[in-house]
N, C-alpha and C. Protein backbone atom coordinates (compact mmCIF):
# COMPACT_ATOMS: atom_id res chain seq x y z
N UNK A 1 -76.16 -22.77 12.51
CA UNK A 1 -75.73 -22.27 13.84
C UNK A 1 -74.65 -23.18 14.36
N UNK A 2 -73.65 -22.48 14.89
CA UNK A 2 -72.54 -23.24 15.47
C UNK A 2 -72.81 -23.60 16.92
N UNK A 3 -72.23 -24.68 17.27
CA UNK A 3 -72.41 -25.07 18.66
C UNK A 3 -71.30 -24.39 19.50
N UNK A 4 -71.51 -24.41 20.76
CA UNK A 4 -70.53 -23.76 21.65
C UNK A 4 -69.20 -24.53 21.60
N UNK A 5 -69.26 -25.81 21.39
CA UNK A 5 -68.03 -26.62 21.34
C UNK A 5 -67.22 -26.28 20.08
N UNK A 6 -67.86 -25.99 19.00
CA UNK A 6 -67.12 -25.58 17.75
C UNK A 6 -66.49 -24.24 17.97
N UNK A 7 -67.17 -23.33 18.67
CA UNK A 7 -66.61 -22.02 18.93
C UNK A 7 -65.37 -22.16 19.83
N UNK A 8 -65.44 -22.99 20.84
CA UNK A 8 -64.35 -23.20 21.69
C UNK A 8 -63.11 -23.81 20.96
N UNK A 9 -63.42 -24.78 20.08
CA UNK A 9 -62.39 -25.39 19.27
C UNK A 9 -61.74 -24.37 18.35
N UNK A 10 -62.56 -23.50 17.71
CA UNK A 10 -62.05 -22.49 16.87
C UNK A 10 -61.22 -21.46 17.63
N UNK A 11 -61.63 -21.10 18.82
CA UNK A 11 -60.84 -20.18 19.66
C UNK A 11 -59.52 -20.79 20.06
N UNK A 12 -59.58 -22.07 20.41
CA UNK A 12 -58.33 -22.78 20.77
C UNK A 12 -57.37 -22.87 19.57
N UNK A 13 -57.94 -23.12 18.40
CA UNK A 13 -57.10 -23.15 17.20
C UNK A 13 -56.45 -21.79 16.92
N UNK A 14 -57.25 -20.77 17.05
CA UNK A 14 -56.71 -19.41 16.82
C UNK A 14 -55.65 -19.05 17.86
N UNK A 15 -55.90 -19.46 19.10
CA UNK A 15 -54.94 -19.15 20.14
C UNK A 15 -53.64 -19.95 19.91
N UNK A 16 -53.78 -21.22 19.55
CA UNK A 16 -52.59 -22.04 19.25
C UNK A 16 -51.78 -21.45 18.09
N UNK A 17 -52.53 -21.03 17.04
CA UNK A 17 -51.87 -20.43 15.85
C UNK A 17 -51.17 -19.14 16.27
N UNK A 18 -51.80 -18.31 17.10
CA UNK A 18 -51.21 -17.07 17.52
C UNK A 18 -50.00 -17.28 18.39
N UNK A 19 -50.09 -18.22 19.33
CA UNK A 19 -48.95 -18.55 20.16
C UNK A 19 -47.76 -19.09 19.32
N UNK A 20 -48.05 -19.93 18.36
CA UNK A 20 -47.01 -20.46 17.48
C UNK A 20 -46.31 -19.30 16.72
N UNK A 21 -47.15 -18.39 16.19
CA UNK A 21 -46.57 -17.26 15.48
C UNK A 21 -45.72 -16.35 16.36
N UNK A 22 -46.27 -16.12 17.56
CA UNK A 22 -45.54 -15.28 18.52
C UNK A 22 -44.22 -15.94 18.96
N UNK A 23 -44.27 -17.23 19.12
CA UNK A 23 -43.04 -18.01 19.49
C UNK A 23 -42.00 -17.92 18.42
N UNK A 24 -42.46 -18.05 17.14
CA UNK A 24 -41.51 -17.96 16.03
C UNK A 24 -41.00 -16.53 15.89
N UNK A 25 -41.84 -15.54 16.08
CA UNK A 25 -41.43 -14.13 16.05
C UNK A 25 -40.44 -13.86 17.11
N UNK A 26 -40.72 -14.30 18.35
CA UNK A 26 -39.83 -14.10 19.45
C UNK A 26 -38.44 -14.77 19.24
N UNK A 27 -38.51 -16.01 18.77
CA UNK A 27 -37.30 -16.71 18.46
C UNK A 27 -36.46 -16.01 17.41
N UNK A 28 -37.11 -15.55 16.37
CA UNK A 28 -36.43 -14.78 15.32
C UNK A 28 -35.87 -13.49 15.86
N UNK A 29 -36.57 -12.80 16.71
CA UNK A 29 -36.09 -11.56 17.29
C UNK A 29 -34.83 -11.84 18.16
N UNK A 30 -34.89 -12.93 18.98
CA UNK A 30 -33.76 -13.27 19.80
C UNK A 30 -32.55 -13.62 18.97
N UNK A 31 -32.78 -14.35 17.90
CA UNK A 31 -31.72 -14.74 16.98
C UNK A 31 -31.07 -13.51 16.31
N UNK A 32 -31.96 -12.56 15.92
CA UNK A 32 -31.47 -11.33 15.28
C UNK A 32 -30.66 -10.50 16.29
N UNK A 33 -31.13 -10.42 17.54
CA UNK A 33 -30.40 -9.67 18.59
C UNK A 33 -29.04 -10.35 18.82
N UNK A 34 -29.07 -11.67 18.88
CA UNK A 34 -27.78 -12.40 19.14
C UNK A 34 -26.79 -12.11 18.02
N UNK A 35 -27.21 -12.23 16.77
CA UNK A 35 -26.29 -11.94 15.65
C UNK A 35 -25.82 -10.52 15.70
N UNK A 36 -26.71 -9.57 15.97
CA UNK A 36 -26.34 -8.13 16.00
C UNK A 36 -25.32 -7.83 17.10
N UNK A 37 -25.59 -8.37 18.29
CA UNK A 37 -24.68 -8.12 19.42
C UNK A 37 -23.33 -8.80 19.12
N UNK A 38 -23.37 -10.02 18.59
CA UNK A 38 -22.12 -10.71 18.28
C UNK A 38 -21.29 -9.89 17.23
N UNK A 39 -22.01 -9.40 16.21
CA UNK A 39 -21.31 -8.59 15.18
C UNK A 39 -20.74 -7.32 15.80
N UNK A 40 -21.47 -6.67 16.68
CA UNK A 40 -21.07 -5.43 17.35
C UNK A 40 -19.86 -5.64 18.24
N UNK A 41 -19.80 -6.77 18.87
CA UNK A 41 -18.67 -7.07 19.82
C UNK A 41 -17.52 -7.73 19.18
N UNK A 42 -17.62 -8.10 17.91
CA UNK A 42 -16.49 -8.78 17.24
C UNK A 42 -15.21 -7.94 17.26
N UNK A 43 -15.23 -6.62 16.95
CA UNK A 43 -14.00 -5.85 17.04
C UNK A 43 -13.41 -5.80 18.44
N UNK A 44 -14.26 -5.79 19.47
CA UNK A 44 -13.78 -5.81 20.85
C UNK A 44 -13.09 -7.15 21.11
N UNK A 45 -13.67 -8.23 20.60
CA UNK A 45 -13.11 -9.54 20.80
C UNK A 45 -11.70 -9.63 20.11
N UNK A 46 -11.64 -9.07 18.87
CA UNK A 46 -10.32 -9.06 18.17
C UNK A 46 -9.28 -8.23 18.98
N UNK A 47 -9.72 -7.12 19.52
CA UNK A 47 -8.84 -6.31 20.32
C UNK A 47 -8.36 -7.05 21.54
N UNK A 48 -9.29 -7.75 22.21
CA UNK A 48 -8.93 -8.54 23.38
C UNK A 48 -7.93 -9.60 23.07
N UNK A 49 -8.13 -10.29 21.95
CA UNK A 49 -7.17 -11.31 21.46
C UNK A 49 -5.81 -10.70 21.19
N UNK A 50 -5.82 -9.59 20.50
CA UNK A 50 -4.56 -8.92 20.15
C UNK A 50 -3.82 -8.45 21.41
N UNK A 51 -4.53 -7.96 22.38
CA UNK A 51 -3.90 -7.50 23.64
C UNK A 51 -3.33 -8.73 24.41
N UNK A 52 -4.07 -9.80 24.44
CA UNK A 52 -3.65 -11.01 25.14
C UNK A 52 -2.37 -11.57 24.53
N UNK A 53 -2.23 -11.46 23.21
CA UNK A 53 -1.10 -12.03 22.50
C UNK A 53 0.13 -11.15 22.57
N UNK A 54 0.04 -9.91 23.00
CA UNK A 54 1.14 -8.97 23.02
C UNK A 54 1.92 -9.10 24.32
N UNK A 55 3.16 -8.78 24.27
CA UNK A 55 4.02 -8.77 25.43
C UNK A 55 3.72 -7.46 26.19
N UNK A 56 3.89 -7.47 27.49
CA UNK A 56 3.61 -6.25 28.31
C UNK A 56 4.40 -4.99 27.83
N UNK A 57 5.62 -5.23 27.37
CA UNK A 57 6.47 -4.09 26.98
C UNK A 57 6.39 -3.78 25.49
N UNK A 58 5.46 -4.37 24.77
CA UNK A 58 5.30 -4.11 23.37
C UNK A 58 4.56 -2.79 23.18
N UNK A 59 5.22 -1.81 22.63
CA UNK A 59 4.67 -0.46 22.50
C UNK A 59 4.50 -0.06 21.03
N UNK A 60 4.10 -1.03 20.18
CA UNK A 60 4.01 -0.74 18.74
C UNK A 60 3.07 0.38 18.39
N UNK A 61 1.92 0.46 19.08
CA UNK A 61 0.95 1.46 18.69
C UNK A 61 1.16 2.82 19.39
N UNK A 62 2.19 2.93 20.20
CA UNK A 62 2.43 4.16 20.95
C UNK A 62 2.64 5.35 20.02
N UNK A 63 3.39 5.31 18.90
CA UNK A 63 3.49 6.47 18.02
C UNK A 63 2.16 6.95 17.51
N UNK A 64 1.24 6.04 17.19
CA UNK A 64 -0.06 6.47 16.69
C UNK A 64 -0.85 7.16 17.79
N UNK A 65 -0.78 6.68 19.00
CA UNK A 65 -1.51 7.26 20.10
C UNK A 65 -0.88 8.67 20.42
N UNK A 66 0.44 8.70 20.35
CA UNK A 66 1.12 9.95 20.62
C UNK A 66 0.77 11.00 19.55
N UNK A 67 0.70 10.58 18.30
CA UNK A 67 0.35 11.50 17.22
C UNK A 67 -1.12 11.99 17.39
N UNK A 68 -2.00 11.08 17.81
CA UNK A 68 -3.38 11.52 18.05
C UNK A 68 -3.49 12.49 19.22
N UNK A 69 -2.67 12.21 20.27
CA UNK A 69 -2.64 13.10 21.41
C UNK A 69 -2.17 14.48 20.99
N UNK A 70 -1.11 14.57 20.18
CA UNK A 70 -0.57 15.86 19.77
C UNK A 70 -1.60 16.60 18.94
N UNK A 71 -2.30 15.86 18.06
CA UNK A 71 -3.36 16.51 17.28
C UNK A 71 -4.44 17.04 18.14
N UNK A 72 -4.87 16.28 19.15
CA UNK A 72 -5.91 16.72 20.04
C UNK A 72 -5.42 17.92 20.86
N UNK A 73 -4.19 17.91 21.29
CA UNK A 73 -3.66 19.06 22.05
C UNK A 73 -3.60 20.28 21.22
N UNK A 74 -3.22 20.13 19.95
CA UNK A 74 -3.14 21.28 19.06
C UNK A 74 -4.56 21.85 18.85
N UNK A 75 -5.49 20.96 18.71
CA UNK A 75 -6.88 21.42 18.55
C UNK A 75 -7.36 22.12 19.83
N UNK A 76 -7.02 21.58 20.97
CA UNK A 76 -7.45 22.17 22.22
C UNK A 76 -6.83 23.57 22.41
N UNK A 77 -5.69 23.83 21.85
CA UNK A 77 -5.03 25.13 21.91
C UNK A 77 -5.60 26.06 20.84
N UNK A 78 -5.79 25.48 19.65
CA UNK A 78 -6.26 26.30 18.50
C UNK A 78 -7.64 26.92 18.69
N UNK A 79 -8.56 26.12 19.31
CA UNK A 79 -9.95 26.60 19.48
C UNK A 79 -9.99 27.81 20.40
N UNK A 80 -9.38 27.78 21.57
CA UNK A 80 -9.47 29.00 22.44
C UNK A 80 -8.69 30.20 21.82
N UNK A 81 -7.62 29.90 21.10
CA UNK A 81 -6.90 30.98 20.46
C UNK A 81 -7.77 31.66 19.40
N UNK A 82 -8.51 30.88 18.61
CA UNK A 82 -9.37 31.47 17.59
C UNK A 82 -10.50 32.27 18.27
N UNK A 83 -11.05 31.76 19.36
CA UNK A 83 -12.12 32.45 20.08
C UNK A 83 -11.58 33.80 20.64
N UNK A 84 -10.34 33.73 21.21
CA UNK A 84 -9.73 34.95 21.79
C UNK A 84 -9.50 35.98 20.68
N UNK A 85 -9.01 35.52 19.53
CA UNK A 85 -8.74 36.46 18.43
C UNK A 85 -10.03 37.08 17.95
N UNK A 86 -11.07 36.29 17.82
CA UNK A 86 -12.42 36.83 17.36
C UNK A 86 -12.94 37.83 18.37
N UNK A 87 -12.78 37.57 19.65
CA UNK A 87 -13.25 38.56 20.67
C UNK A 87 -12.49 39.87 20.53
N UNK A 88 -11.21 39.83 20.40
CA UNK A 88 -10.44 41.00 20.30
C UNK A 88 -10.74 41.78 19.03
N UNK A 89 -10.90 41.09 17.89
CA UNK A 89 -11.23 41.77 16.63
C UNK A 89 -12.61 42.42 16.71
N UNK A 90 -13.56 41.75 17.34
CA UNK A 90 -14.89 42.38 17.50
C UNK A 90 -14.81 43.61 18.40
N UNK A 91 -14.02 43.47 19.48
CA UNK A 91 -13.85 44.57 20.37
C UNK A 91 -13.20 45.79 19.73
N UNK A 92 -12.28 45.54 18.79
CA UNK A 92 -11.62 46.64 18.11
C UNK A 92 -12.56 47.40 17.15
N UNK A 93 -13.58 46.69 16.71
CA UNK A 93 -14.54 47.31 15.81
C UNK A 93 -15.51 48.26 16.56
N UNK A 94 -15.67 48.00 17.83
CA UNK A 94 -16.64 48.80 18.63
C UNK A 94 -16.04 50.18 18.91
N UNK A 95 -16.95 51.18 18.91
CA UNK A 95 -16.46 52.55 19.12
C UNK A 95 -16.54 53.00 20.62
N UNK A 96 -17.23 52.18 21.43
CA UNK A 96 -17.45 52.51 22.83
C UNK A 96 -16.32 52.00 23.68
N UNK A 97 -15.68 52.89 24.45
CA UNK A 97 -14.66 52.43 25.39
C UNK A 97 -15.10 51.44 26.46
N UNK A 98 -16.38 51.53 26.83
CA UNK A 98 -16.92 50.56 27.78
C UNK A 98 -16.92 49.13 27.17
N UNK A 99 -17.19 49.04 25.90
CA UNK A 99 -17.19 47.74 25.18
C UNK A 99 -15.76 47.22 25.16
N UNK A 100 -14.79 48.16 25.02
CA UNK A 100 -13.41 47.70 24.95
C UNK A 100 -12.98 47.04 26.25
N UNK A 101 -13.45 47.60 27.36
CA UNK A 101 -13.16 47.02 28.68
C UNK A 101 -13.73 45.58 28.77
N UNK A 102 -15.00 45.47 28.35
CA UNK A 102 -15.60 44.16 28.39
C UNK A 102 -14.85 43.13 27.53
N UNK A 103 -14.45 43.60 26.37
CA UNK A 103 -13.65 42.73 25.44
C UNK A 103 -12.32 42.35 26.08
N UNK A 104 -11.67 43.30 26.73
CA UNK A 104 -10.40 42.99 27.35
C UNK A 104 -10.58 42.04 28.56
N UNK A 105 -11.68 42.20 29.26
CA UNK A 105 -11.92 41.26 30.39
C UNK A 105 -12.10 39.82 29.92
N UNK A 106 -12.94 39.68 28.82
CA UNK A 106 -13.22 38.39 28.29
C UNK A 106 -11.91 37.83 27.66
N UNK A 107 -11.08 38.68 27.03
CA UNK A 107 -9.79 38.24 26.51
C UNK A 107 -8.88 37.77 27.61
N UNK A 108 -8.87 38.45 28.72
CA UNK A 108 -8.05 38.06 29.93
C UNK A 108 -8.47 36.70 30.40
N UNK A 109 -9.78 36.46 30.47
CA UNK A 109 -10.28 35.17 30.92
C UNK A 109 -9.85 34.08 29.96
N UNK A 110 -9.98 34.34 28.66
CA UNK A 110 -9.53 33.37 27.66
C UNK A 110 -8.03 33.08 27.76
N UNK A 111 -7.28 34.11 28.00
CA UNK A 111 -5.87 33.92 28.19
C UNK A 111 -5.54 33.09 29.36
N UNK A 112 -6.30 33.31 30.50
CA UNK A 112 -6.12 32.45 31.68
C UNK A 112 -6.32 31.00 31.35
N UNK A 113 -7.41 30.69 30.62
CA UNK A 113 -7.72 29.33 30.25
C UNK A 113 -6.66 28.73 29.38
N UNK A 114 -6.12 29.51 28.45
CA UNK A 114 -5.05 29.06 27.58
C UNK A 114 -3.77 28.77 28.40
N UNK A 115 -3.49 29.63 29.31
CA UNK A 115 -2.31 29.47 30.15
C UNK A 115 -2.44 28.20 30.99
N UNK A 116 -3.61 27.98 31.51
CA UNK A 116 -3.84 26.75 32.32
C UNK A 116 -3.66 25.52 31.44
N UNK A 117 -4.19 25.51 30.23
CA UNK A 117 -4.08 24.40 29.33
C UNK A 117 -2.63 24.17 28.94
N UNK A 118 -1.91 25.24 28.61
CA UNK A 118 -0.48 25.13 28.30
C UNK A 118 0.30 24.57 29.43
N UNK A 119 0.01 25.00 30.65
CA UNK A 119 0.72 24.48 31.85
C UNK A 119 0.43 22.99 32.04
N UNK A 120 -0.80 22.57 31.81
CA UNK A 120 -1.12 21.16 31.87
C UNK A 120 -0.34 20.35 30.91
N UNK A 121 -0.23 20.84 29.64
CA UNK A 121 0.51 20.13 28.60
C UNK A 121 2.01 20.07 28.97
N UNK A 122 2.52 21.17 29.46
CA UNK A 122 3.94 21.17 29.92
C UNK A 122 4.23 20.27 31.02
N UNK A 123 3.32 20.17 32.00
CA UNK A 123 3.46 19.21 33.11
C UNK A 123 3.44 17.80 32.59
N UNK A 124 2.55 17.55 31.66
CA UNK A 124 2.48 16.18 31.09
C UNK A 124 3.75 15.85 30.34
N UNK A 125 4.32 16.83 29.64
CA UNK A 125 5.56 16.55 28.92
C UNK A 125 6.70 16.30 29.92
N UNK A 126 6.75 17.05 31.01
CA UNK A 126 7.76 16.81 32.00
C UNK A 126 7.64 15.44 32.65
N UNK A 127 6.40 15.03 32.94
CA UNK A 127 6.16 13.74 33.50
C UNK A 127 6.62 12.62 32.57
N UNK A 128 6.25 12.84 31.27
CA UNK A 128 6.65 11.80 30.28
C UNK A 128 8.16 11.74 30.12
N UNK A 129 8.82 12.89 30.13
CA UNK A 129 10.32 12.92 30.01
C UNK A 129 10.93 12.22 31.20
N UNK A 130 10.40 12.47 32.45
CA UNK A 130 10.87 11.82 33.63
C UNK A 130 10.68 10.31 33.56
N UNK A 131 9.52 9.86 33.10
CA UNK A 131 9.25 8.46 32.98
C UNK A 131 10.17 7.81 31.91
N UNK A 132 10.42 8.53 30.89
CA UNK A 132 11.30 8.01 29.78
C UNK A 132 12.75 7.91 30.35
N UNK A 133 13.18 8.91 31.12
CA UNK A 133 14.50 8.88 31.71
C UNK A 133 14.62 7.69 32.69
N UNK A 134 13.59 7.43 33.49
CA UNK A 134 13.64 6.25 34.39
C UNK A 134 13.70 5.00 33.60
N UNK A 135 12.84 4.90 32.52
CA UNK A 135 12.82 3.65 31.71
C UNK A 135 14.15 3.39 31.02
N UNK A 136 14.85 4.48 30.64
CA UNK A 136 16.12 4.30 29.96
C UNK A 136 17.31 4.23 30.89
N UNK A 137 17.04 4.27 32.17
CA UNK A 137 18.10 4.15 33.18
C UNK A 137 18.88 5.42 33.46
N UNK A 138 18.34 6.55 32.98
CA UNK A 138 18.99 7.80 33.17
C UNK A 138 18.74 8.45 34.53
N UNK A 139 17.87 7.88 35.30
CA UNK A 139 17.52 8.47 36.60
C UNK A 139 18.54 7.97 37.60
N UNK A 140 18.82 8.78 38.62
CA UNK A 140 19.73 8.45 39.67
C UNK A 140 18.98 7.71 40.78
N UNK A 141 19.54 6.56 41.18
CA UNK A 141 18.92 5.83 42.25
C UNK A 141 19.43 6.34 43.56
N UNK A 142 18.60 6.48 44.51
CA UNK A 142 18.98 6.97 45.82
C UNK A 142 18.79 5.87 46.86
N UNK A 143 19.72 5.77 47.76
CA UNK A 143 19.61 4.79 48.88
C UNK A 143 18.98 5.48 50.02
N UNK A 144 17.72 5.22 50.29
CA UNK A 144 16.98 5.84 51.38
C UNK A 144 17.02 5.08 52.72
N UNK A 145 17.73 3.99 52.72
CA UNK A 145 17.81 3.18 53.92
C UNK A 145 18.38 3.95 55.10
N UNK A 146 19.47 4.70 54.88
CA UNK A 146 20.12 5.45 55.94
C UNK A 146 19.10 6.48 56.48
N UNK A 147 18.37 7.16 55.61
CA UNK A 147 17.42 8.16 56.02
C UNK A 147 16.31 7.51 56.86
N UNK A 148 15.88 6.35 56.41
CA UNK A 148 14.80 5.61 57.13
C UNK A 148 15.27 5.22 58.50
N UNK A 149 16.56 4.79 58.63
CA UNK A 149 17.08 4.38 59.98
C UNK A 149 17.14 5.59 60.89
N UNK A 150 17.49 6.76 60.37
CA UNK A 150 17.55 7.93 61.20
C UNK A 150 16.21 8.40 61.71
N UNK A 151 15.19 8.20 60.92
CA UNK A 151 13.86 8.60 61.36
C UNK A 151 13.25 7.60 62.36
């Protein structure tokens, strides 16, 4: 038969062993999280360093960004065009004139969306051309001081 003191000592030993194992497990988990987060943030740190080292007017990556934008814009136009074409083709297969009206209405809505998107792209192109003209010195400077004095 065990005495109560032996049981208490055994419980303390088990508790100390459990706490030691939990501490080691927690430390290992923290270390693993630290390494994982550090590895995940390493590309961001490289980007930060690269941006800090560049001059403000360095536009080396601009052609890549512009090419990606053009590809995205083409995709944005191609998808609604394909959907519009599919609607019209399905409507042409239908024999009911009422279905034709529905198809034409949905085609008109699709055309409105495409027109809006094209207008946005054209506005962006105009803004970029204006900014480029200003940057190249092609814009005309106006002296507004006389106008300000009159007001």
